[in-house]
PDB file of N, CA and C in Angstrom:
ATOM      1  N   MET A   1      14.690  11.683  -9.730  1.00  0.00           N
ATOM      2  CA  MET A   1      13.950  11.981  -8.516  1.00  0.00           C
ATOM      3  C   MET A   1      14.752  11.552  -7.295  1.00  0.00           C
ATOM      4  N   LEU A   2      14.739  12.397  -6.303  1.00  0.00           N
ATOM      5  CA  LEU A   2      15.488  12.119  -5.082  1.00  0.00           C
ATOM      6  C   LEU A   2      15.010  10.832  -4.417  1.00  0.00           C
ATOM      7  N   GLY A   3      13.701  10.627  -4.364  1.00  0.00           N
ATOM      8  CA  GLY A   3      13.166   9.423  -3.727  1.00  0.00           C
ATOM      9  C   GLY A   3      13.696   8.144  -4.345  1.00  0.00           C
ATOM     10  N   LEU A   4      13.779   8.124  -5.669  1.00  0.00           N
ATOM     11  CA  LEU A   4      14.314   6.945  -6.349  1.00  0.00           C
ATOM     12  C   LEU A   4      15.785   6.752  -6.029  1.00  0.00           C
ATOM     13  N   LYS A   5      16.533   7.850  -5.980  1.00  0.00           N
ATOM     14  CA  LYS A   5      17.952   7.759  -5.651  1.00  0.00           C
ATOM     15  C   LYS A   5      18.159   7.239  -4.229  1.00  0.00           C
ATOM     16  N   MET A   6      17.171   7.481  -3.368  1.00  0.00           N
ATOM     17  CA  MET A   6      17.274   7.039  -1.976  1.00  0.00           C
ATOM     18  C   MET A   6      16.694   5.646  -1.765  1.00  0.00           C
ATOM     19  N   GLY A   7      16.239   5.005  -2.855  1.00  0.00           N
ATOM     20  CA  GLY A   7      15.776   3.621  -2.758  1.00  0.00           C
ATOM     21  C   GLY A   7      14.280   3.435  -2.629  1.00  0.00           C
ATOM     22  N   ALA A   8      13.499   4.490  -2.798  1.00  0.00           N
ATOM     23  CA  ALA A   8      12.042   4.346  -2.707  1.00  0.00           C
ATOM     24  C   ALA A   8      11.547   3.435  -3.811  1.00  0.00           C
ATOM     25  N   LYS A   9      10.603   2.580  -3.486  1.00  0.00           N
ATOM     26  CA  LYS A   9      10.028   1.661  -4.473  1.00  0.00           C
ATOM     27  C   LYS A   9       8.740   2.226  -5.062  1.00  0.00           C
ATOM     28  N   GLY A  10       8.157   3.195  -4.400  1.00  0.00           N
ATOM     29  CA  GLY A  10       6.921   3.776  -4.904  1.00  0.00           C
ATOM     30  C   GLY A  10       6.595   5.055  -4.168  1.00  0.00           C
ATOM     31  N   PHE A  11       5.680   5.788  -4.738  1.00  0.00           N
ATOM     32  CA  PHE A  11       5.245   7.051  -4.146  1.00  0.00           C
ATOM     33  C   PHE A  11       3.725   7.054  -4.108  1.00  0.00           C
ATOM     34  N   GLU A  12       3.172   7.353  -2.969  1.00  0.00           N
ATOM     35  CA  GLU A  12       1.724   7.388  -2.823  1.00  0.00           C
ATOM     36  C   GLU A  12       1.411   8.390  -1.732  1.00  0.00           C
ATOM     37  N   MET A  13       0.725   9.463  -2.075  1.00  0.00           N
ATOM     38  CA  MET A  13       0.511  10.531  -1.102  1.00  0.00           C
ATOM     39  C   MET A  13      -0.910  10.563  -0.543  1.00  0.00           C
ATOM     40  N   GLU A  14      -1.849   9.898  -1.186  1.00  0.00           N
ATOM     41  CA  GLU A  14      -3.231   9.998  -0.748  1.00  0.00           C
ATOM     42  C   GLU A  14      -3.457   9.411   0.641  1.00  0.00           C
ATOM     43  N   SER A  15      -2.685   8.386   1.006  1.00  0.00           N
ATOM     44  CA  SER A  15      -2.852   7.758   2.317  1.00  0.00           C
ATOM     45  C   SER A  15      -2.236   8.571   3.445  1.00  0.00           C
ATOM     46  N   ALA A  16      -1.432   9.552   3.119  1.00  0.00           N
ATOM     47  CA  ALA A  16      -0.762  10.339   4.154  1.00  0.00           C
ATOM     48  C   ALA A  16      -1.762  10.938   5.131  1.00  0.00           C
ATOM     49  N   ALA A  17      -2.863  11.463   4.620  1.00  0.00           N
ATOM     50  CA  ALA A  17      -3.875  12.053   5.510  1.00  0.00           C
ATOM     51  C   ALA A  17      -4.445  11.004   6.455  1.00  0.00           C
ATOM     52  N   LEU A  18      -4.656   9.793   5.962  1.00  0.00           N
ATOM     53  CA  LEU A  18      -5.169   8.721   6.822  1.00  0.00           C
ATOM     54  C   LEU A  18      -4.198   8.415   7.953  1.00  0.00           C
ATOM     55  N   PHE A  19      -2.919   8.325   7.627  1.00  0.00           N
ATOM     56  CA  PHE A  19      -1.923   8.005   8.649  1.00  0.00           C
ATOM     57  C   PHE A  19      -1.762   9.134   9.663  1.00  0.00           C
ATOM     58  N   ILE A  20      -1.875  10.351   9.229  1.00  0.00           N
ATOM     59  CA  ILE A  20      -1.783  11.489  10.148  1.00  0.00           C
ATOM     60  C   ILE A  20      -2.962  11.486  11.118  1.00  0.00           C
ATOM     61  N   VAL A  21      -4.162  11.311  10.588  1.00  0.00           N
ATOM     62  CA  VAL A  21      -5.357  11.289  11.452  1.00  0.00           C
ATOM     63  C   VAL A  21      -5.309  10.088  12.387  1.00  0.00           C
ATOM     64  N   ALA A  22      -4.909   8.928  11.878  1.00  0.00           N
ATOM     65  CA  ALA A  22      -4.823   7.736  12.725  1.00  0.00           C
ATOM     66  C   ALA A  22      -3.815   7.939  13.847  1.00  0.00           C
ATOM     67  N   SER A  23      -2.709   8.562  13.535  1.00  0.00           N
ATOM     68  CA  SER A  23      -1.716   8.832  14.566  1.00  0.00           C
ATOM     69  C   SER A  23      -2.283   9.765  15.629  1.00  0.00           C
ATOM     70  N   TYR A  24      -2.975  10.785  15.193  1.00  0.00           N
ATOM     71  CA  TYR A  24      -3.580  11.741  16.130  1.00  0.00           C
ATOM     72  C   TYR A  24      -4.612  11.051  17.021  1.00  0.00           C
ATOM     73  N   LEU A  25      -5.405  10.148  16.426  1.00  0.00           N
ATOM     74  CA  LEU A  25      -6.459   9.451  17.178  1.00  0.00           C
ATOM     75  C   LEU A  25      -5.958   8.211  17.909  1.00  0.00           C
ATOM     76  N   HIS A  26      -4.675   7.875  17.710  1.00  0.00           N
ATOM     77  CA  HIS A  26      -4.065   6.689  18.329  1.00  0.00           C
ATOM     78  C   HIS A  26      -4.809   5.417  17.941  1.00  0.00           C
ATOM     79  N   VAL A  27      -5.088   5.296  16.646  1.00  0.00           N
ATOM     80  CA  VAL A  27      -5.713   4.091  16.110  1.00  0.00           C
ATOM     81  C   VAL A  27      -4.833   3.542  14.990  1.00  0.00           C
ATOM     82  N   ARG A  28      -5.034   2.281  14.674  1.00  0.00           N
ATOM     83  CA  ARG A  28      -4.274   1.660  13.594  1.00  0.00           C
ATOM     84  C   ARG A  28      -4.829   2.076  12.247  1.00  0.00           C
ATOM     85  N   CYS A  29      -3.951   2.080  11.289  1.00  0.00           N
ATOM     86  CA  CYS A  29      -4.340   2.450   9.935  1.00  0.00           C
ATOM     87  C   CYS A  29      -3.410   1.730   8.976  1.00  0.00           C
ATOM     88  N   GLY A  30      -3.917   1.356   7.846  1.00  0.00           N
ATOM     89  CA  GLY A  30      -3.085   0.726   6.835  1.00  0.00           C
ATOM     90  C   GLY A  30      -3.678   0.942   5.461  1.00  0.00           C
ATOM     91  N   THR A  31      -2.881   0.687   4.464  1.00  0.00           N
ATOM     92  CA  THR A  31      -3.362   0.763   3.090  1.00  0.00           C
ATOM     93  C   THR A  31      -2.859  -0.448   2.318  1.00  0.00           C
ATOM     94  N   VAL A  32      -3.645  -0.853   1.359  1.00  0.00           N
ATOM     95  CA  VAL A  32      -3.238  -1.874   0.406  1.00  0.00           C
ATOM     96  C   VAL A  32      -3.275  -1.185  -0.946  1.00  0.00           C
ATOM     97  N   LEU A  33      -2.147  -1.204  -1.636  1.00  0.00           N
ATOM     98  CA  LEU A  33      -2.033  -0.479  -2.890  1.00  0.00           C
ATOM     99  C   LEU A  33      -1.833  -1.440  -4.056  1.00  0.00           C
ATOM    100  N   LEU A  34      -2.364  -1.060  -5.192  1.00  0.00           N
ATOM    101  CA  LEU A  34      -2.195  -1.829  -6.418  1.00  0.00           C
ATOM    102  C   LEU A  34      -1.490  -0.953  -7.439  1.00  0.00           C
ATOM    103  N   THR A  35      -0.373  -1.413  -7.929  1.00  0.00           N
ATOM    104  CA  THR A  35       0.335  -0.673  -8.974  1.00  0.00           C
ATOM    105  C   THR A  35      -0.288  -1.035 -10.308  1.00  0.00           C
ATOM    106  N   VAL A  36      -0.881  -0.050 -10.952  1.00  0.00           N
ATOM    107  CA  VAL A  36      -1.520  -0.276 -12.238  1.00  0.00           C
ATOM    108  C   VAL A  36      -0.463  -0.299 -13.345  1.00  0.00           C
ATOM    109  N   ALA A  37       0.463   0.634 -13.304  1.00  0.00           N
ATOM    110  CA  ALA A  37       1.530   0.709 -14.291  1.00  0.00           C
ATOM    111  C   ALA A  37       2.750   1.331 -13.622  1.00  0.00           C
ATOM    112  N   ASN A  38       3.904   1.167 -14.228  1.00  0.00           N
ATOM    113  CA  ASN A  38       5.153   1.642 -13.649  1.00  0.00           C
ATOM    114  C   ASN A  38       5.789   2.670 -14.583  1.00  0.00           C
ATOM    115  N   GLN A  39       5.705   3.930 -14.213  1.00  0.00           N
ATOM    116  CA  GLN A  39       6.223   5.006 -15.050  1.00  0.00           C
ATOM    117  C   GLN A  39       7.729   4.902 -15.277  1.00  0.00           C
ATOM    118  N   GLU A  40       8.443   4.417 -14.279  1.00  0.00           N
ATOM    119  CA  GLU A  40       9.900   4.303 -14.413  1.00  0.00           C
ATOM    120  C   GLU A  40      10.268   3.236 -15.435  1.00  0.00           C
ATOM    121  N   ARG A  41       9.540   2.136 -15.462  1.00  0.00           N
ATOM    122  CA  ARG A  41       9.783   1.108 -16.479  1.00  0.00           C
ATOM    123  C   ARG A  41       9.489   1.675 -17.862  1.00  0.00           C
ATOM    124  N   GLN A  42       8.418   2.426 -17.959  1.00  0.00           N
ATOM    125  CA  GLN A  42       8.045   3.023 -19.241  1.00  0.00           C
ATOM    126  C   GLN A  42       9.137   3.984 -19.724  1.00  0.00           C
ATOM    127  N   ARG A  43       9.625   4.843 -18.806  1.00  0.00           N
ATOM    128  CA  ARG A  43      10.695   5.788 -19.166  1.00  0.00           C
ATOM    129  C   ARG A  43      11.962   5.072 -19.625  1.00  0.00           C
ATOM    130  N   ALA A  44      12.229   3.909 -19.045  1.00  0.00           N
ATOM    131  CA  ALA A  44      13.434   3.150 -19.387  1.00  0.00           C
ATOM    132  C   ALA A  44      13.238   2.298 -20.644  1.00  0.00           C
ATOM    133  N   GLY A  45      12.044   2.345 -21.222  1.00  0.00           N
ATOM    134  CA  GLY A  45      11.779   1.568 -22.423  1.00  0.00           C
ATOM    135  C   GLY A  45      11.561   0.092 -22.158  1.00  0.00           C
ATOM    136  N   LEU A  46      11.274  -0.262 -20.899  1.00  0.00           N
ATOM    137  CA  LEU A  46      11.040  -1.657 -20.531  1.00  0.00           C
ATOM    138  C   LEU A  46       9.565  -1.995 -20.682  1.00  0.00           C
ATOM    139  N   PRO A  47       9.241  -3.289 -20.762  1.00  0.00           N
ATOM    140  CA  PRO A  47       7.828  -3.667 -20.794  1.00  0.00           C
ATOM    141  C   PRO A  47       7.111  -3.113 -19.564  1.00  0.00           C
ATOM    142  N   ASN A  48       5.908  -2.641 -19.757  1.00  0.00           N
ATOM    143  CA  ASN A  48       5.168  -2.013 -18.673  1.00  0.00           C
ATOM    144  C   ASN A  48       3.710  -2.489 -18.713  1.00  0.00           C
ATOM    145  N   PRO A  49       3.499  -3.762 -18.369  1.00  0.00           N
ATOM    146  CA  PRO A  49       2.120  -4.266 -18.408  1.00  0.00           C
ATOM    147  C   PRO A  49       1.257  -3.537 -17.382  1.00  0.00           C
ATOM    148  N   GLN A  50       0.027  -3.281 -17.743  1.00  0.00           N
ATOM    149  CA  GLN A  50      -0.897  -2.625 -16.827  1.00  0.00           C
ATOM    150  C   GLN A  50      -1.787  -3.671 -16.170  1.00  0.00           C
ATOM    151  N   VAL A  51      -2.017  -3.500 -14.870  1.00  0.00           N
ATOM    152  CA  VAL A  51      -2.822  -4.433 -14.096  1.00  0.00           C
ATOM    153  C   VAL A  51      -4.047  -3.696 -13.563  1.00  0.00           C
ATOM    154  N   HIS A  52      -5.208  -4.212 -13.879  1.00  0.00           N
ATOM    155  CA  HIS A  52      -6.451  -3.590 -13.412  1.00  0.00           C
ATOM    156  C   HIS A  52      -7.253  -4.533 -12.513  1.00  0.00           C
ATOM    157  N   ASP A  53      -6.770  -5.743 -12.332  1.00  0.00           N
ATOM    158  CA  ASP A  53      -7.470  -6.736 -11.515  1.00  0.00           C
ATOM    159  C   ASP A  53      -7.195  -6.456 -10.039  1.00  0.00           C
ATOM    160  N   THR A  54      -8.227  -6.128  -9.302  1.00  0.00           N
ATOM    161  CA  THR A  54      -8.082  -5.774  -7.888  1.00  0.00           C
ATOM    162  C   THR A  54      -8.268  -6.963  -6.940  1.00  0.00           C
ATOM    163  N   ASP A  55      -8.520  -8.150  -7.463  1.00  0.00           N
ATOM    164  CA  ASP A  55      -8.830  -9.306  -6.606  1.00  0.00           C
ATOM    165  C   ASP A  55      -7.743  -9.582  -5.572  1.00  0.00           C
ATOM    166  N   LEU A  56      -6.475  -9.627  -5.981  1.00  0.00           N
ATOM    167  CA  LEU A  56      -5.408  -9.939  -5.019  1.00  0.00           C
ATOM    168  C   LEU A  56      -5.256  -8.848  -3.962  1.00  0.00           C
ATOM    169  N   ALA A  57      -5.422  -7.595  -4.352  1.00  0.00           N
ATOM    170  CA  ALA A  57      -5.318  -6.503  -3.374  1.00  0.00           C
ATOM    171  C   ALA A  57      -6.447  -6.602  -2.356  1.00  0.00           C
ATOM    172  N   ILE A  58      -7.649  -6.909  -2.815  1.00  0.00           N
ATOM    173  CA  ILE A  58      -8.790  -7.045  -1.901  1.00  0.00           C
ATOM    174  C   ILE A  58      -8.576  -8.228  -0.969  1.00  0.00           C
ATOM    175  N   LYS A  59      -8.108  -9.345  -1.505  1.00  0.00           N
ATOM    176  CA  LYS A  59      -7.838 -10.526  -0.664  1.00  0.00           C
ATOM    177  C   LYS A  59      -6.760 -10.218   0.373  1.00  0.00           C
ATOM    178  N   ALA A  60      -5.735  -9.475  -0.012  1.00  0.00           N
ATOM    179  CA  ALA A  60      -4.674  -9.103   0.930  1.00  0.00           C
ATOM    180  C   ALA A  60      -5.235  -8.251   2.061  1.00  0.00           C
ATOM    181  N   ALA A  61      -6.106  -7.309   1.730  1.00  0.00           N
ATOM    182  CA  ALA A  61      -6.713  -6.453   2.750  1.00  0.00           C
ATOM    183  C   ALA A  61      -7.568  -7.275   3.702  1.00  0.00           C
ATOM    184  N   ILE A  62      -8.350  -8.189   3.174  1.00  0.00           N
ATOM    185  CA  ILE A  62      -9.205  -9.038   4.011  1.00  0.00           C
ATOM    186  C   ILE A  62      -8.360  -9.888   4.947  1.00  0.00           C
ATOM    187  N   GLU A  63      -7.300 -10.488   4.412  1.00  0.00           N
ATOM    188  CA  GLU A  63      -6.433 -11.313   5.257  1.00  0.00           C
ATOM    189  C   GLU A  63      -5.738 -10.485   6.332  1.00  0.00           C
ATOM    190  N   ALA A  64      -5.349  -9.270   6.003  1.00  0.00           N
ATOM    191  CA  ALA A  64      -4.708  -8.405   6.998  1.00  0.00           C
ATOM    192  C   ALA A  64      -5.669  -8.073   8.132  1.00  0.00           C
ATOM    193  N   VAL A  65      -6.913  -7.765   7.794  1.00  0.00           N
ATOM    194  CA  VAL A  65      -7.897  -7.459   8.833  1.00  0.00           C
ATOM    195  C   VAL A  65      -8.187  -8.700   9.672  1.00  0.00           C
ATOM    196  N   LYS A  66      -8.303  -9.860   9.048  1.00  0.00           N
ATOM    197  CA  LYS A  66      -8.493 -11.109   9.802  1.00  0.00           C
ATOM    198  C   LYS A  66      -7.347 -11.321  10.792  1.00  0.00           C
ATOM    199  N   TYR A  67      -6.123 -11.092  10.316  1.00  0.00           N
ATOM    200  CA  TYR A  67      -4.951 -11.260  11.168  1.00  0.00           C
ATOM    201  C   TYR A  67      -5.009 -10.317  12.370  1.00  0.00           C
ATOM    202  N   LEU A  68      -5.356  -9.062  12.128  1.00  0.00           N
ATOM    203  CA  LEU A  68      -5.454  -8.107  13.232  1.00  0.00           C
ATOM    204  C   LEU A  68      -6.532  -8.519  14.230  1.00  0.00           C
ATOM    205  N   ILE A  69      -7.660  -8.999  13.730  1.00  0.00           N
ATOM    206  CA  ILE A  69      -8.739  -9.471  14.622  1.00  0.00           C
ATOM    207  C   ILE A  69      -8.239 -10.634  15.474  1.00  0.00           C
ATOM    208  N   GLU A  70      -7.539 -11.575  14.845  1.00  0.00           N
ATOM    209  CA  GLU A  70      -6.991 -12.709  15.591  1.00  0.00           C
ATOM    210  C   GLU A  70      -6.009 -12.243  16.657  1.00  0.00           C
ATOM    211  N   GLN A  71      -5.124 -11.319  16.304  1.00  0.00           N
ATOM    212  CA  GLN A  71      -4.139 -10.806  17.254  1.00  0.00           C
ATOM    213  C   GLN A  71      -4.817 -10.073  18.408  1.00  0.00           C
ATOM    214  N   ASP A  72      -5.844  -9.318  18.108  1.00  0.00           N
ATOM    215  CA  ASP A  72      -6.570  -8.618  19.174  1.00  0.00           C
ATOM    216  C   ASP A  72      -7.258  -9.616  20.106  1.00  0.00           C
ATOM    217  N   GLY A  73      -7.780 -10.690  19.534  1.00  0.00           N
ATOM    218  CA  GLY A  73      -8.463 -11.715  20.339  1.00  0.00           C
ATOM    219  C   GLY A  73      -7.506 -12.469  21.226  1.00  0.00           C
ATOM    220  N   SER A  74      -6.268 -12.688  20.774  1.00  0.00           N
ATOM    221  CA  SER A  74      -5.312 -13.455  21.573  1.00  0.00           C
ATOM    222  C   SER A  74      -4.667 -12.618  22.660  1.00  0.00           C
ATOM    223  N   ALA A  75      -4.896 -11.303  22.644  1.00  0.00           N
ATOM    224  CA  ALA A  75      -4.302 -10.433  23.654  1.00  0.00           C
ATOM    225  C   ALA A  75      -5.098 -10.443  24.957  1.00  0.00           C
ATOM    226  N   ASP A  76      -6.268 -11.053  24.933  1.00  0.00           N
ATOM    227  CA  ASP A  76      -7.117 -11.062  26.147  1.00  0.00           C
ATOM    228  C   ASP A  76      -6.578 -11.931  27.225  1.00  0.00           C
TER     229      ASP A  76
END
């Protein structure tokens, strides 16, 4: 895949629509992603543990929103 040859670490297209709309509306947008499994590791015959626990991803999202709120508050 060209993306891998160019150094991409992952591919995720579902958020693209969010970023396009956010750009059009001039608002912030972000995503927190959880890798469940790694197809490239599987293809290479490497261990490919699957992760279904969303706790860390949810905590990361909460902390990111808290940080943005703090930054917005300090801009006054």
